[in-house]
Amino acid sequence: MRVVVSGSSGLIGRSVVAALASRGDEITALVRRPAAAGEAQWDPMAGSIDTGALDGADGVVHLAGAGIGDKRWSASRRREIVSSRVEATTLLAESLAGLHRPPAVLVSASAVGFYGDRGDEVLTEESTGGTGFLAEVCRGWEDATTPARDAGIRVIRLRSGVVLSAQGGALARQLPLFRSGVGGRLGSGRQWLSWITLGDEVRAILHALDQPAVRGAVNATAPEPVTNRGFTRALGRTLHRPSFLAVPGFALRVALGPDLASEMVLAGQRVLPTQLTSTGFTFEQPRIESALAAVLS
């Protein structure tokens, strides 16, 4: 296959590119800087994209977007988060729809934040969207793929959970604390964490590319979500460190900002990967303890 990848320099993007290359696919990376060999330039904020590099591709994997949890949610940061997803996805989807030879499939990133804070409710791809800033971002992000779908392209809206990797993301930020023996639950610890290892995330993306039956919303989460308390205990046991401390919710709201803390750290979603499992996908790491052991080995 010839696959175009946006966000190829990110944690997930780098691994996707490596996986595609290892199976012999031809990859074109969409980049914002001047393009080198094997790359194509785009500038979502300026509304420009090299459509010649897209024409004739077999598939597109769209992973670009500003980090949601990297900074406090000021008004300008909120605008950046929205524009880097909605405007960029709109540009890509409309460009793909207008090609003479459009790709057969577009895998476009989204997140389980689509569902909002839902307590103990079990969520599948058929569940309704939630409320809050993250849910609104995800809804607009997903809706922006509509031009590609209307043009007959098979569109997958990949609702990813927390991607576990020692090289980046939420787990990597927590490891120093846990290795020092001062890690612990966040808030009450009762909020659900829907997670997936980086390896299974990449395999899910390739599965979505390859399997014609996969389309629409797809939950990229392991089949056994855990509470934050359960995750904390599992990580402590994996590292052979105590994990009895707790960070109060008010302290998180002060440190991170009230909205970010409430929607990302203290909220939860209990999500099941119904479409992945029904289309034959098998998780290499379905359980949190073995997943953490594999990720941290």
C-alpha atoms as a PDB file:
ATOM      1  CA  MET A   1       0.000   0.000   0.000  1.00  0.00           C
ATOM      2  CA  ARG A   2       0.949   3.633  -0.363  1.00  0.00           C
ATOM      3  CA  VAL A   3      -0.075   5.334   2.874  1.00  0.00           C
ATOM      4  CA  VAL A   4      -0.024   9.034   3.736  1.00  0.00           C
ATOM      5  CA  VAL A   5       0.538   9.761   7.448  1.00  0.00           C
ATOM      6  CA  SER A   6       0.015  13.053   9.269  1.00  0.00           C
ATOM      7  CA  GLY A   7       1.439  13.478  12.766  1.00  0.00           C
ATOM      8  CA  SER A   8       4.269  11.115  11.826  1.00  0.00           C
ATOM      9  CA  SER A   9       6.699  12.693  14.302  1.00  0.00           C
ATOM     10  CA  GLY A  10       4.497  12.020  17.343  1.00  0.00           C
ATOM     11  CA  LEU A  11       4.615   9.051  19.699  1.00  0.00           C
ATOM     12  CA  ILE A  12       1.969   7.065  17.818  1.00  0.00           C
ATOM     13  CA  GLY A  13       2.919   8.371  14.376  1.00  0.00           C
ATOM     14  CA  ARG A  14       6.537   7.240  14.644  1.00  0.00           C
ATOM     15  CA  SER A  15       5.444   3.732  15.552  1.00  0.00           C
ATOM     16  CA  VAL A  16       2.828   3.617  12.789  1.00  0.00           C
ATOM     17  CA  VAL A  17       5.412   4.641  10.196  1.00  0.00           C
ATOM     18  CA  ALA A  18       7.825   1.988  11.475  1.00  0.00           C
ATOM     19  CA  ALA A  19       5.116  -0.697  11.360  1.00  0.00           C
ATOM     20  CA  LEU A  20       4.069   0.246   7.830  1.00  0.00           C
ATOM     21  CA  ALA A  21       7.676   0.269   6.642  1.00  0.00           C
ATOM     22  CA  SER A  22       8.382  -3.110   8.225  1.00  0.00           C
ATOM     23  CA  ARG A  23       5.657  -4.738   6.152  1.00  0.00           C
ATOM     24  CA  GLY A  24       6.815  -3.086   2.940  1.00  0.00           C
ATOM     25  CA  ASP A  25       4.339  -0.233   2.552  1.00  0.00           C
ATOM     26  CA  GLU A  26       5.335   3.031   0.885  1.00  0.00           C
ATOM     27  CA  ILE A  27       4.889   5.988   3.247  1.00  0.00           C
ATOM     28  CA  THR A  28       4.436   9.689   2.575  1.00  0.00           C
ATOM     29  CA  ALA A  29       4.605  11.879   5.671  1.00  0.00           C
ATOM     30  CA  LEU A  30       2.584  15.100   5.753  1.00  0.00           C
ATOM     31  CA  VAL A  31       4.814  17.759   7.350  1.00  0.00           C
ATOM     32  CA  ARG A  32       4.536  21.484   8.061  1.00  0.00           C
ATOM     33  CA  ARG A  33       8.196  22.262   7.297  1.00  0.00           C
ATOM     34  CA  PRO A  34       9.667  22.152   3.768  1.00  0.00           C
ATOM     35  CA  ALA A  35       9.197  18.613   2.484  1.00  0.00           C
ATOM     36  CA  ALA A  36      12.131  16.251   2.014  1.00  0.00           C
ATOM     37  CA  ALA A  37      12.161  12.944   0.146  1.00  0.00           C
ATOM     38  CA  GLY A  38       9.195  10.794   1.142  1.00  0.00           C
ATOM     39  CA  GLU A  39       7.327  13.803   2.520  1.00  0.00           C
ATOM     40  CA  ALA A  40       4.611  16.227   1.417  1.00  0.00           C
ATOM     41  CA  GLN A  41       4.017  19.688   2.812  1.00  0.00           C
ATOM     42  CA  TRP A  42       0.828  21.049   4.273  1.00  0.00           C
ATOM     43  CA  ASP A  43      -0.107  24.057   6.379  1.00  0.00           C
ATOM     44  CA  PRO A  44      -3.530  23.528   7.957  1.00  0.00           C
ATOM     45  CA  MET A  45      -3.705  27.022   9.410  1.00  0.00           C
ATOM     46  CA  ALA A  46      -3.052  28.540   5.973  1.00  0.00           C
ATOM     47  CA  GLY A  47      -5.368  26.043   4.275  1.00  0.00           C
ATOM     48  CA  SER A  48      -2.690  24.668   1.956  1.00  0.00           C
ATOM     49  CA  ILE A  49      -1.819  21.062   1.179  1.00  0.00           C
ATOM     50  CA  ASP A  50       0.117  19.221  -1.537  1.00  0.00           C
ATOM     51  CA  THR A  51      -2.768  17.371  -3.175  1.00  0.00           C
ATOM     52  CA  GLY A  52      -0.445  15.871  -5.769  1.00  0.00           C
ATOM     53  CA  ALA A  53       1.172  13.793  -3.038  1.00  0.00           C
ATOM     54  CA  LEU A  54      -2.245  12.579  -1.873  1.00  0.00           C
ATOM     55  CA  ASP A  55      -3.583  11.585  -5.293  1.00  0.00           C
ATOM     56  CA  GLY A  56      -3.345   7.843  -5.868  1.00  0.00           C
ATOM     57  CA  ALA A  57      -2.596   6.922  -2.255  1.00  0.00           C
ATOM     58  CA  ASP A  58      -4.266   3.745  -1.005  1.00  0.00           C
ATOM     59  CA  GLY A  59      -4.875   4.987   2.513  1.00  0.00           C
ATOM     60  CA  VAL A  60      -4.406   7.932   4.861  1.00  0.00           C
ATOM     61  CA  VAL A  61      -3.690   7.862   8.602  1.00  0.00           C
ATOM     62  CA  HIS A  62      -4.418  11.236  10.197  1.00  0.00           C
ATOM     63  CA  LEU A  63      -2.874  11.675  13.657  1.00  0.00           C
ATOM     64  CA  ALA A  64      -1.955  15.379  13.761  1.00  0.00           C
ATOM     65  CA  GLY A  65      -3.105  17.674  16.583  1.00  0.00           C
ATOM     66  CA  ALA A  66      -1.819  19.818  19.440  1.00  0.00           C
ATOM     67  CA  GLY A  67      -1.356  17.958  22.729  1.00  0.00           C
ATOM     68  CA  ILE A  68      -4.533  18.189  24.798  1.00  0.00           C
ATOM     69  CA  GLY A  69      -2.940  17.697  28.207  1.00  0.00           C
ATOM     70  CA  ASP A  70       0.387  19.425  27.614  1.00  0.00           C
ATOM     71  CA  LYS A  71      -0.589  22.890  28.881  1.00  0.00           C
ATOM     72  CA  ARG A  72      -3.264  24.608  30.942  1.00  0.00           C
ATOM     73  CA  TRP A  73      -6.422  25.370  28.980  1.00  0.00           C
ATOM     74  CA  SER A  74      -6.217  29.101  28.490  1.00  0.00           C
ATOM     75  CA  ALA A  75      -8.523  30.643  25.916  1.00  0.00           C
ATOM     76  CA  SER A  76      -5.723  30.682  23.333  1.00  0.00           C
ATOM     77  CA  ARG A  77      -4.779  27.073  24.100  1.00  0.00           C
ATOM     78  CA  ARG A  78      -8.388  25.986  23.646  1.00  0.00           C
ATOM     79  CA  ARG A  79      -8.457  27.677  20.241  1.00  0.00           C
ATOM     80  CA  GLU A  80      -5.216  25.937  19.275  1.00  0.00           C
ATOM     81  CA  ILE A  81      -6.553  22.529  20.344  1.00  0.00           C
ATOM     82  CA  VAL A  82      -9.733  23.005  18.319  1.00  0.00           C
ATOM     83  CA  SER A  83      -8.113  24.439  15.197  1.00  0.00           C
ATOM     84  CA  SER A  84      -5.318  21.851  15.111  1.00  0.00           C
ATOM     85  CA  ARG A  85      -7.981  19.158  14.939  1.00  0.00           C
ATOM     86  CA  VAL A  86     -11.133  20.510  13.342  1.00  0.00           C
ATOM     87  CA  GLU A  87      -9.595  22.859  10.783  1.00  0.00           C
ATOM     88  CA  ALA A  88      -6.777  20.470   9.898  1.00  0.00           C
ATOM     89  CA  THR A  89      -9.148  17.520   9.494  1.00  0.00           C
ATOM     90  CA  THR A  90     -11.560  19.603   7.408  1.00  0.00           C
ATOM     91  CA  LEU A  91      -8.729  20.614   5.068  1.00  0.00           C
ATOM     92  CA  LEU A  92      -7.553  17.023   4.713  1.00  0.00           C
ATOM     93  CA  ALA A  93     -11.037  15.520   4.245  1.00  0.00           C
ATOM     94  CA  GLU A  94     -12.091  18.118   1.669  1.00  0.00           C
ATOM     95  CA  SER A  95      -8.806  17.699  -0.204  1.00  0.00           C
ATOM     96  CA  LEU A  96      -9.181  13.907  -0.295  1.00  0.00           C
ATOM     97  CA  ALA A  97     -12.775  14.232  -1.495  1.00  0.00           C
ATOM     98  CA  GLY A  98     -11.660  16.386  -4.411  1.00  0.00           C
ATOM     99  CA  LEU A  99      -8.923  14.093  -5.692  1.00  0.00           C
ATOM    100  CA  HIS A 100      -9.071  12.430  -9.098  1.00  0.00           C
ATOM    101  CA  ARG A 101      -7.876   9.189  -7.437  1.00  0.00           C
ATOM    102  CA  PRO A 102      -8.917   9.385  -3.773  1.00  0.00           C
ATOM    103  CA  PRO A 103      -7.731   6.814  -1.236  1.00  0.00           C
ATOM    104  CA  ALA A 104      -9.957   3.918  -0.302  1.00  0.00           C
ATOM    105  CA  VAL A 105      -9.658   4.559   3.438  1.00  0.00           C
ATOM    106  CA  LEU A 106      -9.038   7.362   5.939  1.00  0.00           C
ATOM    107  CA  VAL A 107      -8.179   6.490   9.544  1.00  0.00           C
ATOM    108  CA  SER A 108      -8.660   9.697  11.510  1.00  0.00           C
ATOM    109  CA  ALA A 109      -7.727  10.048  15.168  1.00  0.00           C
ATOM    110  CA  SER A 110     -10.256  10.894  17.841  1.00  0.00           C
ATOM    111  CA  ALA A 111     -10.422  10.028  21.546  1.00  0.00           C
ATOM    112  CA  VAL A 112     -12.632   8.473  24.212  1.00  0.00           C
ATOM    113  CA  GLY A 113     -13.103  12.019  25.494  1.00  0.00           C
ATOM    114  CA  PHE A 114     -15.979  11.969  22.984  1.00  0.00           C
ATOM    115  CA  TYR A 115     -18.091  10.253  25.658  1.00  0.00           C
ATOM    116  CA  GLY A 116     -17.489  12.818  28.423  1.00  0.00           C
ATOM    117  CA  ASP A 117     -17.448  11.849  32.095  1.00  0.00           C
ATOM    118  CA  ARG A 118     -19.817   8.877  32.330  1.00  0.00           C
ATOM    119  CA  GLY A 119     -19.155   7.271  35.715  1.00  0.00           C
ATOM    120  CA  ASP A 120     -19.623   3.487  35.712  1.00  0.00           C
ATOM    121  CA  GLU A 121     -21.646   3.380  32.469  1.00  0.00           C
ATOM    122  CA  VAL A 122     -20.302   0.824  29.961  1.00  0.00           C
ATOM    123  CA  LEU A 123     -19.680   2.585  26.645  1.00  0.00           C
ATOM    124  CA  THR A 124     -19.510   1.171  23.119  1.00  0.00           C
ATOM    125  CA  GLU A 125     -19.360   2.831  19.726  1.00  0.00           C
ATOM    126  CA  GLU A 126     -23.161   3.034  19.818  1.00  0.00           C
ATOM    127  CA  SER A 127     -23.159   5.187  22.959  1.00  0.00           C
ATOM    128  CA  THR A 128     -24.033   8.861  22.685  1.00  0.00           C
ATOM    129  CA  GLY A 129     -21.493  11.624  23.007  1.00  0.00           C
ATOM    130  CA  GLY A 130     -21.014  13.458  26.273  1.00  0.00           C
ATOM    131  CA  THR A 131     -20.678  17.053  27.372  1.00  0.00           C
ATOM    132  CA  GLY A 132     -17.732  19.315  28.138  1.00  0.00           C
ATOM    133  CA  PHE A 133     -14.869  20.834  26.195  1.00  0.00           C
ATOM    134  CA  LEU A 134     -13.199  17.526  25.278  1.00  0.00           C
ATOM    135  CA  ALA A 135     -16.443  15.974  24.099  1.00  0.00           C
ATOM    136  CA  GLU A 136     -17.122  19.024  21.936  1.00  0.00           C
ATOM    137  CA  VAL A 137     -13.599  18.904  20.486  1.00  0.00           C
ATOM    138  CA  CYS A 138     -13.948  15.217  19.617  1.00  0.00           C
ATOM    139  CA  ARG A 139     -17.382  15.713  18.086  1.00  0.00           C
ATOM    140  CA  GLY A 140     -16.127  18.522  15.844  1.00  0.00           C
ATOM    141  CA  TRP A 141     -12.969  16.521  15.044  1.00  0.00           C
ATOM    142  CA  GLU A 142     -15.024  13.548  13.915  1.00  0.00           C
ATOM    143  CA  ASP A 143     -17.610  15.603  12.035  1.00  0.00           C
ATOM    144  CA  ALA A 144     -14.790  17.203  10.034  1.00  0.00           C
ATOM    145  CA  THR A 145     -14.218  13.862   8.259  1.00  0.00           C
ATOM    146  CA  THR A 146     -17.692  14.033   6.668  1.00  0.00           C
ATOM    147  CA  PRO A 147     -16.538  15.315   3.228  1.00  0.00           C
ATOM    148  CA  ALA A 148     -14.313  12.250   2.831  1.00  0.00           C
ATOM    149  CA  ARG A 149     -17.108   9.890   3.844  1.00  0.00           C
ATOM    150  CA  ASP A 150     -19.564  11.584   1.508  1.00  0.00           C
ATOM    151  CA  ALA A 151     -17.067  11.124  -1.334  1.00  0.00           C
ATOM    152  CA  GLY A 152     -17.178   7.343  -0.815  1.00  0.00           C
ATOM    153  CA  ILE A 153     -13.980   6.994   1.200  1.00  0.00           C
ATOM    154  CA  ARG A 154     -14.183   4.444   4.019  1.00  0.00           C
ATOM    155  CA  VAL A 155     -13.681   6.587   7.125  1.00  0.00           C
ATOM    156  CA  ILE A 156     -12.639   5.298  10.552  1.00  0.00           C
ATOM    157  CA  ARG A 157     -12.937   7.647  13.538  1.00  0.00           C
ATOM    158  CA  LEU A 158     -10.465   6.087  15.969  1.00  0.00           C
ATOM    159  CA  ARG A 159     -11.494   6.864  19.546  1.00  0.00           C
ATOM    160  CA  SER A 160      -8.288   6.077  21.399  1.00  0.00           C
ATOM    161  CA  GLY A 161      -7.930   5.628  25.120  1.00  0.00           C
ATOM    162  CA  VAL A 162      -4.793   6.474  27.100  1.00  0.00           C
ATOM    163  CA  VAL A 163      -1.900   5.021  25.104  1.00  0.00           C
ATOM    164  CA  LEU A 164       0.617   3.322  27.395  1.00  0.00           C
ATOM    165  CA  SER A 165       4.283   3.736  26.529  1.00  0.00           C
ATOM    166  CA  ALA A 166       7.427   4.299  28.555  1.00  0.00           C
ATOM    167  CA  GLN A 167       8.671   6.626  25.798  1.00  0.00           C
ATOM    168  CA  GLY A 168       5.964   9.266  26.051  1.00  0.00           C
ATOM    169  CA  GLY A 169       2.421  10.157  26.980  1.00  0.00           C
ATOM    170  CA  ALA A 170       0.701   9.966  30.368  1.00  0.00           C
ATOM    171  CA  LEU A 171       2.519   6.861  31.635  1.00  0.00           C
ATOM    172  CA  ALA A 172       5.980   8.275  30.937  1.00  0.00           C
ATOM    173  CA  ARG A 173       5.088  11.411  32.931  1.00  0.00           C
ATOM    174  CA  GLN A 174       3.998   9.311  35.918  1.00  0.00           C
ATOM    175  CA  LEU A 175       6.932   6.915  35.998  1.00  0.00           C
ATOM    176  CA  PRO A 176       9.441   9.139  37.863  1.00  0.00           C
ATOM    177  CA  LEU A 177       6.997   9.595  40.744  1.00  0.00           C
ATOM    178  CA  PHE A 178       6.108   5.922  40.961  1.00  0.00           C
ATOM    179  CA  ARG A 179       9.738   4.827  40.708  1.00  0.00           C
ATOM    180  CA  SER A 180      10.507   7.169  43.608  1.00  0.00           C
ATOM    181  CA  GLY A 181       7.756   5.566  45.672  1.00  0.00           C
ATOM    182  CA  VAL A 182       5.550   8.661  45.780  1.00  0.00           C
ATOM    183  CA  GLY A 183       3.007   7.689  43.145  1.00  0.00           C
ATOM    184  CA  GLY A 184      -0.639   7.218  43.984  1.00  0.00           C
ATOM    185  CA  ARG A 185      -4.237   7.532  42.945  1.00  0.00           C
ATOM    186  CA  LEU A 186      -5.676  10.754  41.572  1.00  0.00           C
ATOM    187  CA  GLY A 187      -8.677  12.146  43.400  1.00  0.00           C
ATOM    188  CA  SER A 188     -11.057   9.412  44.537  1.00  0.00           C
ATOM    189  CA  GLY A 189      -9.459   6.866  42.208  1.00  0.00           C
ATOM    190  CA  ARG A 190     -12.921   5.627  41.229  1.00  0.00           C
ATOM    191  CA  GLN A 191     -12.825   7.167  37.745  1.00  0.00           C
ATOM    192  CA  TRP A 192     -12.455   4.642  34.925  1.00  0.00           C
ATOM    193  CA  LEU A 193      -9.354   4.555  32.744  1.00  0.00           C
ATOM    194  CA  SER A 194      -9.735   3.168  29.231  1.00  0.00           C
ATOM    195  CA  TRP A 195      -6.237   2.350  28.049  1.00  0.00           C
ATOM    196  CA  ILE A 196      -4.316   0.600  25.272  1.00  0.00           C
ATOM    197  CA  THR A 197      -0.641  -0.218  24.820  1.00  0.00           C
ATOM    198  CA  LEU A 198       1.225   1.594  22.071  1.00  0.00           C
ATOM    199  CA  GLY A 199       1.798  -1.721  20.297  1.00  0.00           C
ATOM    200  CA  ASP A 200      -1.914  -2.581  20.246  1.00  0.00           C
ATOM    201  CA  GLU A 201      -2.791   0.986  19.197  1.00  0.00           C
ATOM    202  CA  VAL A 202      -0.563   0.653  16.144  1.00  0.00           C
ATOM    203  CA  ARG A 203      -1.920  -2.800  15.343  1.00  0.00           C
ATOM    204  CA  ALA A 204      -5.478  -1.423  15.620  1.00  0.00           C
ATOM    205  CA  ILE A 205      -4.650   1.325  13.126  1.00  0.00           C
ATOM    206  CA  LEU A 206      -3.243  -1.198  10.650  1.00  0.00           C
ATOM    207  CA  HIS A 207      -6.302  -3.412  11.211  1.00  0.00           C
ATOM    208  CA  ALA A 208      -8.562  -0.454  10.393  1.00  0.00           C
ATOM    209  CA  LEU A 209      -6.555   0.250   7.241  1.00  0.00           C
ATOM    210  CA  ASP A 210      -6.671  -3.339   6.046  1.00  0.00           C
ATOM    211  CA  GLN A 211     -10.146  -4.589   6.964  1.00  0.00           C
ATOM    212  CA  PRO A 212     -12.987  -3.337   4.708  1.00  0.00           C
ATOM    213  CA  ALA A 213     -15.548  -4.220   7.375  1.00  0.00           C
ATOM    214  CA  VAL A 214     -14.132  -1.638   9.769  1.00  0.00           C
ATOM    215  CA  ARG A 215     -15.746   1.777   9.382  1.00  0.00           C
ATOM    216  CA  GLY A 216     -17.224   4.604  11.414  1.00  0.00           C
ATOM    217  CA  ALA A 217     -16.456   4.999  15.105  1.00  0.00           C
ATOM    218  CA  VAL A 218     -13.921   2.516  16.485  1.00  0.00           C
ATOM    219  CA  ASN A 219     -12.931   2.392  20.152  1.00  0.00           C
ATOM    220  CA  ALA A 220      -9.174   1.797  20.364  1.00  0.00           C
ATOM    221  CA  THR A 221      -9.098   0.620  23.966  1.00  0.00           C
ATOM    222  CA  ALA A 222      -8.162  -2.623  25.678  1.00  0.00           C
ATOM    223  CA  PRO A 223     -11.137  -4.870  26.526  1.00  0.00           C
ATOM    224  CA  GLU A 224     -10.556  -4.556  30.283  1.00  0.00           C
ATOM    225  CA  PRO A 225     -10.672  -0.927  31.446  1.00  0.00           C
ATOM    226  CA  VAL A 226      -9.608  -0.274  35.044  1.00  0.00           C
ATOM    227  CA  THR A 227     -10.274   2.390  37.632  1.00  0.00           C
ATOM    228  CA  ASN A 228      -7.543   4.873  38.426  1.00  0.00           C
ATOM    229  CA  ARG A 229      -7.145   3.118  41.780  1.00  0.00           C
ATOM    230  CA  GLY A 230      -6.696  -0.230  40.013  1.00  0.00           C
ATOM    231  CA  PHE A 231      -4.191   1.243  37.579  1.00  0.00           C
ATOM    232  CA  THR A 232      -2.225   2.808  40.441  1.00  0.00           C
ATOM    233  CA  ARG A 233      -2.000  -0.489  42.292  1.00  0.00           C
ATOM    234  CA  ALA A 234      -0.992  -2.384  39.148  1.00  0.00           C
ATOM    235  CA  LEU A 235       1.744   0.125  38.321  1.00  0.00           C
ATOM    236  CA  GLY A 236       3.077   0.027  41.878  1.00  0.00           C
ATOM    237  CA  ARG A 237       3.218  -3.775  41.828  1.00  0.00           C
ATOM    238  CA  THR A 238       4.918  -3.799  38.420  1.00  0.00           C
ATOM    239  CA  LEU A 239       7.608  -1.397  39.650  1.00  0.00           C
ATOM    240  CA  HIS A 240       7.814  -3.023  43.103  1.00  0.00           C
ATOM    241  CA  ARG A 241       7.151   0.335  44.720  1.00  0.00           C
ATOM    242  CA  PRO A 242       4.524   1.517  47.218  1.00  0.00           C
ATOM    243  CA  SER A 243       1.569   3.339  45.690  1.00  0.00           C
ATOM    244  CA  PHE A 244      -0.525   4.271  48.714  1.00  0.00           C
ATOM    245  CA  LEU A 245      -0.435   8.046  48.373  1.00  0.00           C
ATOM    246  CA  ALA A 246      -3.260  10.091  46.881  1.00  0.00           C
ATOM    247  CA  VAL A 247      -3.375  13.464  45.163  1.00  0.00           C
ATOM    248  CA  PRO A 248      -6.532  15.322  46.243  1.00  0.00           C
ATOM    249  CA  GLY A 249      -8.788  16.625  43.524  1.00  0.00           C
ATOM    250  CA  PHE A 250      -8.434  20.241  44.689  1.00  0.00           C
ATOM    251  CA  ALA A 251      -4.636  20.024  44.379  1.00  0.00           C
ATOM    252  CA  LEU A 252      -4.952  18.741  40.813  1.00  0.00           C
ATOM    253  CA  ARG A 253      -7.318  21.580  39.935  1.00  0.00           C
ATOM    254  CA  VAL A 254      -4.824  24.110  41.288  1.00  0.00           C
ATOM    255  CA  ALA A 255      -1.844  22.526  39.528  1.00  0.00           C
ATOM    256  CA  LEU A 256      -3.453  21.788  36.160  1.00  0.00           C
ATOM    257  CA  GLY A 257      -6.312  24.233  35.989  1.00  0.00           C
ATOM    258  CA  PRO A 258      -9.894  23.374  36.975  1.00  0.00           C
ATOM    259  CA  ASP A 259     -11.172  22.367  33.540  1.00  0.00           C
ATOM    260  CA  LEU A 260      -8.213  20.237  32.460  1.00  0.00           C
ATOM    261  CA  ALA A 261      -8.127  18.445  35.819  1.00  0.00           C
ATOM    262  CA  SER A 262     -11.879  17.842  35.888  1.00  0.00           C
ATOM    263  CA  GLU A 263     -12.181  16.598  32.294  1.00  0.00           C
ATOM    264  CA  MET A 264      -8.908  14.719  31.788  1.00  0.00           C
ATOM    265  CA  VAL A 265      -7.668  13.505  35.174  1.00  0.00           C
ATOM    266  CA  LEU A 266     -10.702  13.230  37.431  1.00  0.00           C
ATOM    267  CA  ALA A 267     -13.220  12.195  34.750  1.00  0.00           C
ATOM    268  CA  GLY A 268     -13.478   8.697  33.356  1.00  0.00           C
ATOM    269  CA  GLN A 269     -14.910   6.542  30.600  1.00  0.00           C
ATOM    270  CA  ARG A 270     -15.506   2.783  30.806  1.00  0.00           C
ATOM    271  CA  VAL A 271     -15.103   1.964  27.116  1.00  0.00           C
ATOM    272  CA  LEU A 272     -15.231  -1.371  25.305  1.00  0.00           C
ATOM    273  CA  PRO A 273     -13.665  -2.021  21.834  1.00  0.00           C
ATOM    274  CA  THR A 274     -16.757  -3.658  20.344  1.00  0.00           C
ATOM    275  CA  GLN A 275     -16.017  -3.018  16.679  1.00  0.00           C
ATOM    276  CA  LEU A 276     -12.377  -4.106  16.876  1.00  0.00           C
ATOM    277  CA  THR A 277     -13.200  -7.422  18.516  1.00  0.00           C
ATOM    278  CA  SER A 278     -16.200  -8.082  16.245  1.00  0.00           C
ATOM    279  CA  THR A 279     -13.991  -7.681  13.148  1.00  0.00           C
ATOM    280  CA  GLY A 280     -11.374 -10.170  14.291  1.00  0.00           C
ATOM    281  CA  PHE A 281      -8.838  -7.994  16.096  1.00  0.00           C
ATOM    282  CA  THR A 282      -6.941  -9.739  18.895  1.00  0.00           C
ATOM    283  CA  PHE A 283      -5.213  -7.742  21.608  1.00  0.00           C
ATOM    284  CA  GLU A 284      -1.670  -8.718  22.499  1.00  0.00           C
ATOM    285  CA  GLN A 285      -2.096  -7.024  25.882  1.00  0.00           C
ATOM    286  CA  PRO A 286      -5.719  -7.125  27.096  1.00  0.00           C
ATOM    287  CA  ARG A 287      -4.997  -6.901  30.869  1.00  0.00           C
ATOM    288  CA  ILE A 288      -3.367  -4.033  32.717  1.00  0.00           C
ATOM    289  CA  GLU A 289      -0.788  -5.928  34.807  1.00  0.00           C
ATOM    290  CA  SER A 290       0.682  -7.885  31.889  1.00  0.00           C
ATOM    291  CA  ALA A 291       0.439  -4.776  29.704  1.00  0.00           C
ATOM    292  CA  LEU A 292       2.463  -2.683  32.153  1.00  0.00           C
ATOM    293  CA  ALA A 293       5.004  -5.458  32.527  1.00  0.00           C
ATOM    294  CA  ALA A 294       5.416  -5.628  28.751  1.00  0.00           C
ATOM    295  CA  VAL A 295       5.590  -1.863  28.305  1.00  0.00           C
ATOM    296  CA  LEU A 296       8.152  -1.415  31.077  1.00  0.00           C
ATOM    297  CA  SER A 297      10.291  -4.483  30.362  1.00  0.00           C
END
